[in-house]
Amino acid sequence: DGLVAVSVPLAMSGFAAPALAEAEAMFADYPLSPMRAGGTGSATGEDGPAAFVEGGAIAVQLVRGDMSMAGTGTVTYLDGERVLAFGHPMLQIGEFYAPVATAEIHAVIPSAQNAFVVASPLREIGSLVQDRQSTIMADTSLRSPMVPIDMFIESVSGKASEKGEFHVEVLNNKFFTGPLAGIAAGNAITYYLPDRDDATAYVESAVWIRGRKDPISFVDYLSSSEGAGGIIGGVRGLRVIVPLMLNPYEPLEIDRVELRVKLGWDTNFGDISELRLDEPELAPGKRNYVDVVMKTYDGKDLVERVPFDVPKRLAGAIVLLEVTAGDAARLDAAPATDLDSLIAGFRKLLPGNVFAVTLNTADEGVALDGIAVAD
């Protein structure tokens, strides 16, 4: 009655406790058990055995570089370039591609209920191709490309600053790339500011898509009362990965992601508390102004006069005027119909250092040559 299905220990090296908790939540529905480990494995990927042997170790890599996330098990059977291993599933999701590597076993933890090994991945020598209920299968003639993520972080406290950088590669998979990138980035930021206190961040992020000349770039100004780790969910260069890879139009490959983060210890933020207009009526076809009143962190009011243009076609209409930060504004584009229009829409998103003024008519609709179209 005490028997349970075997789970794979997912060794996480270079990750702090918050990242471990996120990984546990991410893999809660899979037969994986994330656990802290030491050593990220070979820095060059060229150390260790150059071939698998029956009874030897095999590691499936999800993250590698300055951080490592890998599940390690035992090679069961070799047939030329094909390798059977584990004797049980890893994620049990069928056809699945991920780098596989030889591994170094540091210790074996014997247990009648939950035995596992402590290991580090070494040399990449193939790709996982199948993840079934009874076994996993790898092919040493294949390689699985990963997505590089380069993170440059500057932590500023008063006049002093500290700079560092992290470079990792995460699994190239439309379901896992986004979450793994978020865990790795959050872990890198928490490394510099682990304290649970008020923090602000200026973040430049960029995503390069294969076959596209220019990256999709974003500028975000973020704040968190829960420490630096709380800002990572607002970084649009990470948030955009999921809709890009899960787009319904055509497959795409992300070549790399870059984050440049400037962190600070302060509560230098505010909320929009009031909008003031000079007149209750707007002047169509002209430049108008709205005074945006922000209630700052120290209880003071900050007023900024923001210009905006009112189209002539709105003359006589009742409109709703909204003002938000640029990085919180709704997308000013029609719904995407293909991959090109989806990417074009993301490129139109505004940076976080501007105000966005939006005018909405009371009733949604469409007009052709000035004539409203019913329904």
Protein backbone atom coordinates (compact mmCIF):
# COMPACT_ATOMS: atom_id res chain seq x y z
CA ASP A 1 0.00 0.00 0.00
CA GLY A 2 2.98 2.31 0.49
CA LEU A 3 4.30 1.95 -3.07
CA VAL A 4 4.21 5.01 -5.32
CA ALA A 5 5.16 5.54 -8.96
CA VAL A 6 8.85 6.34 -9.35
CA SER A 7 9.71 9.98 -10.05
CA VAL A 8 12.81 11.46 -11.63
CA PRO A 9 14.94 13.74 -9.43
CA LEU A 10 15.31 17.01 -11.31
CA ALA A 11 18.67 18.34 -10.11
CA MET A 12 18.63 22.15 -9.98
CA SER A 13 22.05 23.74 -9.59
CA GLY A 14 22.59 27.45 -9.19
CA PHE A 15 18.94 28.05 -8.25
CA ALA A 16 17.75 29.68 -5.04
CA ALA A 17 14.75 28.56 -2.96
CA PRO A 18 12.14 30.73 -4.78
CA ALA A 19 13.13 29.21 -8.12
CA LEU A 20 12.86 25.72 -6.64
CA ALA A 21 9.32 26.49 -5.49
CA GLU A 22 8.39 27.75 -8.98
CA ALA A 23 9.80 24.59 -10.57
CA GLU A 24 7.84 22.42 -8.14
CA ALA A 25 4.64 24.21 -9.15
CA MET A 26 5.52 24.01 -12.85
CA PHE A 27 6.16 20.25 -12.77
CA ALA A 28 3.48 19.36 -10.21
CA ASP A 29 1.56 17.31 -12.80
CA TYR A 30 4.63 15.44 -14.05
CA PRO A 31 6.67 12.58 -12.51
CA LEU A 32 9.53 14.95 -11.66
CA SER A 33 10.84 15.90 -8.22
CA PRO A 34 12.86 19.17 -8.33
CA MET A 35 15.65 19.23 -5.76
CA ARG A 36 18.63 21.41 -4.95
CA ALA A 37 21.98 20.19 -6.24
CA GLY A 38 25.53 21.45 -6.48
CA GLY A 39 27.54 22.02 -9.64
CA THR A 40 26.14 22.92 -13.05
CA GLY A 41 28.25 20.36 -14.89
CA SER A 42 30.78 20.91 -17.65
CA ALA A 43 31.21 24.56 -18.61
CA THR A 44 32.29 23.67 -22.14
CA GLY A 45 30.14 20.60 -22.62
CA GLU A 46 33.25 18.72 -23.76
CA ASP A 47 34.21 16.93 -20.55
CA GLY A 48 33.22 13.41 -19.60
CA PRO A 49 32.57 10.21 -21.56
CA ALA A 50 31.87 10.52 -25.27
CA ALA A 51 29.44 7.58 -25.37
CA PHE A 52 26.73 5.97 -23.29
CA VAL A 53 27.20 2.53 -21.75
CA GLU A 54 24.56 0.15 -20.47
CA GLY A 55 24.20 0.66 -16.74
CA GLY A 56 25.80 4.10 -16.99
CA ALA A 57 24.21 7.50 -16.37
CA ILE A 58 22.24 9.65 -18.79
CA ALA A 59 21.08 13.22 -18.11
CA VAL A 60 18.21 15.03 -19.86
CA GLN A 61 18.97 18.76 -19.85
CA LEU A 62 16.24 21.41 -19.50
CA VAL A 63 18.52 24.33 -18.53
CA ARG A 64 22.30 24.60 -18.80
CA GLY A 65 25.00 27.22 -18.44
CA ASP A 66 25.37 29.33 -15.31
CA MET A 67 22.39 27.38 -13.98
CA SER A 68 21.53 23.76 -14.57
CA MET A 69 18.31 21.77 -14.51
CA ALA A 70 18.63 18.13 -15.50
CA GLY A 71 17.02 14.78 -14.78
CA THR A 72 19.45 11.87 -14.49
CA GLY A 73 18.75 8.14 -14.77
CA THR A 74 20.26 4.87 -15.95
CA VAL A 75 20.97 3.67 -19.48
CA THR A 76 19.04 0.44 -20.02
CA TYR A 77 19.85 -0.71 -23.56
CA LEU A 78 21.92 0.40 -26.56
CA ASP A 79 21.13 -0.35 -30.19
CA GLY A 80 23.51 1.55 -32.43
CA GLU A 81 22.58 5.23 -32.20
CA ARG A 82 19.40 4.52 -30.23
CA VAL A 83 19.38 4.50 -26.45
CA LEU A 84 16.72 3.27 -24.05
CA ALA A 85 16.93 4.55 -20.46
CA PHE A 86 15.22 5.13 -17.12
CA GLY A 87 12.76 2.21 -17.34
CA HIS A 88 10.01 4.72 -16.55
CA PRO A 89 8.91 8.09 -18.00
CA MET A 90 10.46 11.49 -17.34
CA LEU A 91 7.53 13.74 -18.28
CA GLN A 92 5.46 11.10 -20.10
CA ILE A 93 4.56 13.39 -22.98
CA GLY A 94 5.37 11.19 -25.97
CA GLU A 95 7.53 12.61 -28.76
CA PHE A 96 9.80 15.11 -27.05
CA TYR A 97 13.17 16.65 -27.88
CA ALA A 98 15.81 17.74 -25.37
CA PRO A 99 19.59 17.43 -25.15
CA VAL A 100 20.91 14.30 -23.44
CA ALA A 101 24.36 14.09 -21.91
CA THR A 102 26.61 11.74 -20.05
CA ALA A 103 26.67 12.45 -16.33
CA GLU A 104 28.86 12.19 -13.26
CA ILE A 105 27.28 10.47 -10.25
CA HIS A 106 28.35 12.13 -7.01
CA ALA A 107 26.31 10.01 -4.59
CA VAL A 108 23.61 7.37 -4.49
CA ILE A 109 20.82 7.79 -1.92
CA PRO A 110 19.44 4.28 -1.31
CA SER A 111 15.82 3.98 -0.22
CA ALA A 112 13.14 1.35 -0.54
CA GLN A 113 10.59 4.09 -1.16
CA ASN A 114 12.41 6.85 -3.08
CA ALA A 115 15.96 6.09 -4.12
CA PHE A 116 17.80 8.63 -6.25
CA VAL A 117 21.24 9.77 -7.35
CA VAL A 118 23.02 13.10 -6.99
CA ALA A 119 24.58 13.85 -10.37
CA SER A 120 25.85 16.56 -12.75
CA PRO A 121 25.51 16.53 -16.57
CA LEU A 122 28.72 16.44 -18.61
CA ARG A 123 29.08 16.04 -22.38
CA GLU A 124 26.06 16.43 -24.70
CA ILE A 125 26.02 13.48 -27.08
CA GLY A 126 22.46 13.17 -28.37
CA SER A 127 18.82 14.14 -28.17
CA LEU A 128 15.83 12.73 -26.39
CA VAL A 129 13.16 11.71 -28.93
CA GLN A 130 10.57 9.70 -27.00
CA ASP A 131 9.24 9.94 -23.43
CA ARG A 132 6.85 7.05 -22.89
CA GLN A 133 5.33 5.27 -19.90
CA SER A 134 7.82 2.42 -19.96
CA THR A 135 11.02 4.20 -20.99
CA ILE A 136 12.68 7.20 -22.59
CA MET A 137 14.53 6.93 -25.90
CA ALA A 138 17.42 9.03 -27.16
CA ASP A 139 19.22 9.22 -30.49
CA THR A 140 22.93 10.02 -30.46
CA SER A 141 22.87 11.13 -34.11
CA LEU A 142 20.60 14.08 -33.33
CA ARG A 143 21.08 17.37 -31.48
CA SER A 144 18.37 19.56 -29.92
CA PRO A 145 19.05 23.30 -30.12
CA MET A 146 18.32 25.33 -27.00
CA VAL A 147 17.34 28.99 -26.57
CA PRO A 148 20.16 31.22 -25.22
CA ILE A 149 19.16 33.80 -22.60
CA ASP A 150 21.67 36.52 -21.76
CA MET A 151 20.98 38.54 -18.61
CA PHE A 152 22.92 41.67 -17.61
CA ILE A 153 22.03 42.97 -14.16
CA GLU A 154 23.06 46.12 -12.34
CA SER A 155 22.13 46.56 -8.70
CA VAL A 156 22.24 50.18 -7.48
CA SER A 157 22.22 51.17 -3.81
CA GLY A 158 22.97 54.84 -3.17
CA LYS A 159 26.15 55.71 -5.03
CA ALA A 160 27.40 52.13 -5.09
CA SER A 161 26.54 49.66 -7.82
CA GLU A 162 27.26 46.05 -8.58
CA LYS A 163 27.15 44.51 -12.04
CA GLY A 164 26.89 40.90 -13.06
CA GLU A 165 25.73 38.71 -15.88
CA PHE A 166 24.22 35.28 -16.34
CA HIS A 167 24.17 33.18 -19.49
CA VAL A 168 21.95 30.13 -19.76
CA GLU A 169 20.27 28.02 -22.42
CA VAL A 170 16.75 26.73 -21.87
CA LEU A 171 14.81 23.94 -23.51
CA ASN A 172 13.43 24.82 -26.96
CA ASN A 173 9.82 23.75 -26.53
CA LYS A 174 6.63 25.76 -27.06
CA PHE A 175 5.20 24.67 -23.71
CA PHE A 176 8.32 24.94 -21.54
CA THR A 177 10.57 27.68 -22.97
CA GLY A 178 8.58 30.58 -21.51
CA PRO A 179 8.20 29.21 -17.95
CA LEU A 180 11.83 28.03 -17.80
CA ALA A 181 13.06 31.43 -19.06
CA GLY A 182 11.01 33.13 -16.34
CA ILE A 183 12.42 30.87 -13.61
CA ALA A 184 16.00 31.44 -14.79
CA ALA A 185 15.58 35.24 -15.06
CA GLY A 186 13.85 35.49 -11.69
CA ASN A 187 16.62 33.47 -10.11
CA ALA A 188 19.31 35.71 -11.62
CA ILE A 189 17.60 38.85 -10.29
CA THR A 190 17.01 37.35 -6.85
CA TYR A 191 20.70 36.52 -6.65
CA TYR A 192 21.52 40.23 -6.47
CA LEU A 193 18.55 41.41 -4.43
CA PRO A 194 17.27 38.51 -2.30
CA ASP A 195 15.77 40.84 0.32
CA ARG A 196 11.98 41.03 0.54
CA ASP A 197 11.64 44.80 0.40
CA ASP A 198 10.52 47.56 -1.93
CA ALA A 199 12.38 47.45 -5.24
CA THR A 200 12.17 49.18 -8.60
CA ALA A 201 13.59 48.09 -11.91
CA TYR A 202 14.32 49.50 -15.34
CA VAL A 203 14.31 46.62 -17.84
CA GLU A 204 15.26 46.51 -21.50
CA SER A 205 14.35 43.21 -23.11
CA ALA A 206 14.64 41.88 -26.64
CA VAL A 207 13.58 38.68 -28.39
CA TRP A 208 15.23 37.58 -31.65
CA ILE A 209 13.08 35.43 -33.96
CA ARG A 210 14.73 33.29 -36.61
CA GLY A 211 14.34 34.76 -40.08
CA ARG A 212 13.54 38.26 -38.76
CA LYS A 213 16.17 40.97 -39.00
CA ASP A 214 15.21 43.09 -35.99
CA PRO A 215 14.27 41.83 -32.53
CA ILE A 216 11.04 42.62 -30.70
CA SER A 217 12.17 45.10 -28.02
CA PHE A 218 10.52 46.42 -24.87
CA VAL A 219 11.28 48.96 -22.12
CA ASP A 220 9.59 48.38 -18.76
CA TYR A 221 9.60 50.38 -15.54
CA LEU A 222 8.52 48.07 -12.72
CA SER A 223 8.11 48.14 -8.96
CA SER A 224 7.48 45.47 -6.34
CA SER A 225 6.88 45.47 -2.60
CA GLU A 226 7.96 41.83 -2.38
CA GLY A 227 11.55 42.23 -3.49
CA ALA A 228 13.25 42.15 -6.86
CA GLY A 229 11.87 38.72 -7.70
CA GLY A 230 8.38 40.22 -7.85
CA ILE A 231 9.14 42.32 -10.91
CA ILE A 232 9.96 39.46 -13.26
CA GLY A 233 6.32 38.78 -14.13
CA GLY A 234 6.07 42.24 -15.72
CA VAL A 235 9.03 41.89 -18.10
CA ARG A 236 7.40 41.83 -21.52
CA GLY A 237 10.42 40.27 -23.24
CA LEU A 238 9.65 37.14 -21.19
CA ARG A 239 5.87 37.38 -21.32
CA VAL A 240 5.87 37.53 -25.12
CA ILE A 241 7.60 34.14 -25.48
CA VAL A 242 4.48 32.10 -24.72
CA PRO A 243 2.09 33.78 -27.25
CA LEU A 244 4.84 33.71 -29.87
CA MET A 245 5.60 30.01 -29.50
CA LEU A 246 1.93 29.05 -29.10
CA ASN A 247 0.74 31.20 -32.01
CA PRO A 248 -1.90 29.43 -34.14
CA TYR A 249 -0.46 30.56 -37.49
CA GLU A 250 2.90 28.90 -38.07
CA PRO A 251 5.86 27.46 -36.13
CA LEU A 252 8.68 29.82 -35.22
CA GLU A 253 12.08 29.52 -33.61
CA ILE A 254 13.40 31.96 -31.03
CA ASP A 255 17.12 32.47 -31.58
CA ARG A 256 17.86 34.21 -28.28
CA VAL A 257 16.55 36.48 -25.54
CA GLU A 258 18.40 39.35 -23.89
CA LEU A 259 17.56 41.16 -20.64
CA ARG A 260 19.25 44.26 -19.26
CA VAL A 261 18.03 45.05 -15.77
CA LYS A 262 18.85 47.98 -13.49
CA LEU A 263 17.62 47.32 -9.96
CA GLY A 264 17.24 49.76 -7.11
CA TRP A 265 16.15 49.77 -3.48
CA ASP A 266 13.44 52.40 -3.25
CA THR A 267 9.72 53.05 -3.39
CA ASN A 268 9.97 55.59 -6.17
CA PHE A 269 6.63 54.94 -7.83
CA GLY A 270 3.14 56.40 -7.94
CA ASP A 271 -0.44 55.71 -8.94
CA ILE A 272 -2.63 57.87 -11.17
CA SER A 273 -5.24 59.33 -8.82
CA GLU A 274 -6.94 62.01 -10.92
CA LEU A 275 -7.31 63.39 -14.45
CA ARG A 276 -8.04 67.10 -14.98
CA LEU A 277 -9.24 68.73 -18.20
CA ASP A 278 -9.26 72.45 -18.89
CA GLU A 279 -12.79 72.22 -20.34
CA PRO A 280 -15.53 69.59 -20.12
CA GLU A 281 -15.53 69.42 -23.94
CA LEU A 282 -12.60 68.39 -26.09
CA ALA A 283 -11.66 70.32 -29.23
CA PRO A 284 -11.85 67.95 -32.24
CA GLY A 285 -9.13 68.27 -34.83
CA LYS A 286 -6.82 70.03 -32.38
CA ARG A 287 -4.24 69.28 -29.73
CA ASN A 288 -5.76 68.96 -26.28
CA TYR A 289 -4.17 68.60 -22.83
CA VAL A 290 -4.94 66.58 -19.74
CA ASP A 291 -3.30 67.07 -16.35
CA VAL A 292 -2.38 63.66 -14.89
CA VAL A 293 -2.20 63.68 -11.09
CA MET A 294 -0.07 60.94 -9.55
CA LYS A 295 -0.10 60.11 -5.86
CA THR A 296 3.53 59.24 -5.15
CA TYR A 297 4.96 56.80 -2.65
CA ASP A 298 5.64 59.58 -0.11
CA GLY A 299 2.10 60.99 -0.24
CA LYS A 300 2.84 63.94 -2.51
CA ASP A 301 1.00 64.84 -5.69
CA LEU A 302 2.94 64.93 -8.94
CA VAL A 303 1.15 66.68 -11.83
CA GLU A 304 2.21 66.25 -15.46
CA ARG A 305 0.53 67.94 -18.40
CA VAL A 306 0.08 65.42 -21.22
CA PRO A 307 -0.80 66.45 -24.81
CA PHE A 308 -3.08 64.38 -27.02
CA ASP A 309 -4.81 64.88 -30.37
CA VAL A 310 -8.55 64.45 -30.90
CA PRO A 311 -9.57 63.31 -34.41
CA LYS A 312 -12.10 65.47 -36.24
CA ARG A 313 -14.34 62.47 -36.80
CA LEU A 314 -15.16 62.41 -33.07
CA ALA A 315 -16.93 65.79 -33.23
CA GLY A 316 -20.22 65.56 -31.36
CA ALA A 317 -19.45 62.14 -29.89
CA ILE A 318 -19.32 61.19 -26.23
CA VAL A 319 -15.91 59.71 -25.50
CA LEU A 320 -14.20 57.98 -22.63
CA LEU A 321 -10.68 59.27 -21.97
CA GLU A 322 -8.20 56.91 -20.33
CA VAL A 323 -4.59 57.54 -19.30
CA THR A 324 -2.19 54.74 -18.36
CA ALA A 325 1.50 54.07 -18.33
CA GLY A 326 2.76 53.12 -21.79
CA ASP A 327 3.64 49.55 -20.85
CA ALA A 328 0.11 49.02 -19.45
CA ALA A 329 -1.75 50.43 -22.47
CA ARG A 330 -3.93 48.22 -24.58
CA LEU A 331 -2.58 47.21 -27.97
CA ASP A 332 -3.45 49.75 -30.68
CA ALA A 333 -3.88 47.22 -33.46
CA ALA A 334 -6.48 45.00 -35.04
CA PRO A 335 -6.57 41.33 -33.98
CA ALA A 336 -3.77 39.35 -35.60
CA THR A 337 -4.60 37.26 -38.65
CA ASP A 338 -1.14 35.77 -39.29
CA LEU A 339 2.31 35.65 -37.74
CA ASP A 340 3.44 38.87 -39.42
CA SER A 341 0.53 40.87 -37.98
CA LEU A 342 1.05 39.28 -34.56
CA ILE A 343 4.71 40.35 -34.50
CA ALA A 344 3.78 43.79 -35.87
CA GLY A 345 1.31 44.19 -33.03
CA PHE A 346 3.94 43.41 -30.42
CA ARG A 347 6.27 45.96 -32.00
CA LYS A 348 3.61 48.66 -31.51
CA LEU A 349 3.53 48.22 -27.72
CA LEU A 350 4.70 51.37 -25.97
CA PRO A 351 7.63 51.77 -23.58
CA GLY A 352 7.02 52.27 -19.88
CA ASN A 353 8.37 55.84 -19.71
CA VAL A 354 5.47 57.52 -21.52
CA PHE A 355 1.80 58.15 -20.78
CA ALA A 356 -0.72 56.60 -23.17
CA VAL A 357 -3.93 58.54 -23.77
CA THR A 358 -6.79 56.53 -25.26
CA LEU A 359 -10.12 57.84 -26.52
CA ASN A 360 -13.02 55.38 -26.74
CA THR A 361 -16.45 56.15 -28.12
CA ALA A 362 -19.49 55.27 -26.04
CA ASP A 363 -20.60 52.58 -28.50
CA GLU A 364 -18.33 50.23 -30.38
CA GLY A 365 -19.01 49.98 -34.08
CA VAL A 366 -17.78 50.55 -37.60
CA ALA A 367 -18.61 53.17 -40.21
CA LEU A 368 -18.11 53.18 -43.99
CA ASP A 369 -17.98 56.64 -45.60
CA GLY A 370 -19.49 58.12 -42.45
CA ILE A 371 -22.47 55.74 -42.42
CA ALA A 372 -22.77 53.46 -39.38
CA VAL A 373 -23.07 49.77 -40.20
CA ALA A 374 -25.72 48.01 -38.11
CA ASP A 375 -24.63 45.03 -35.96
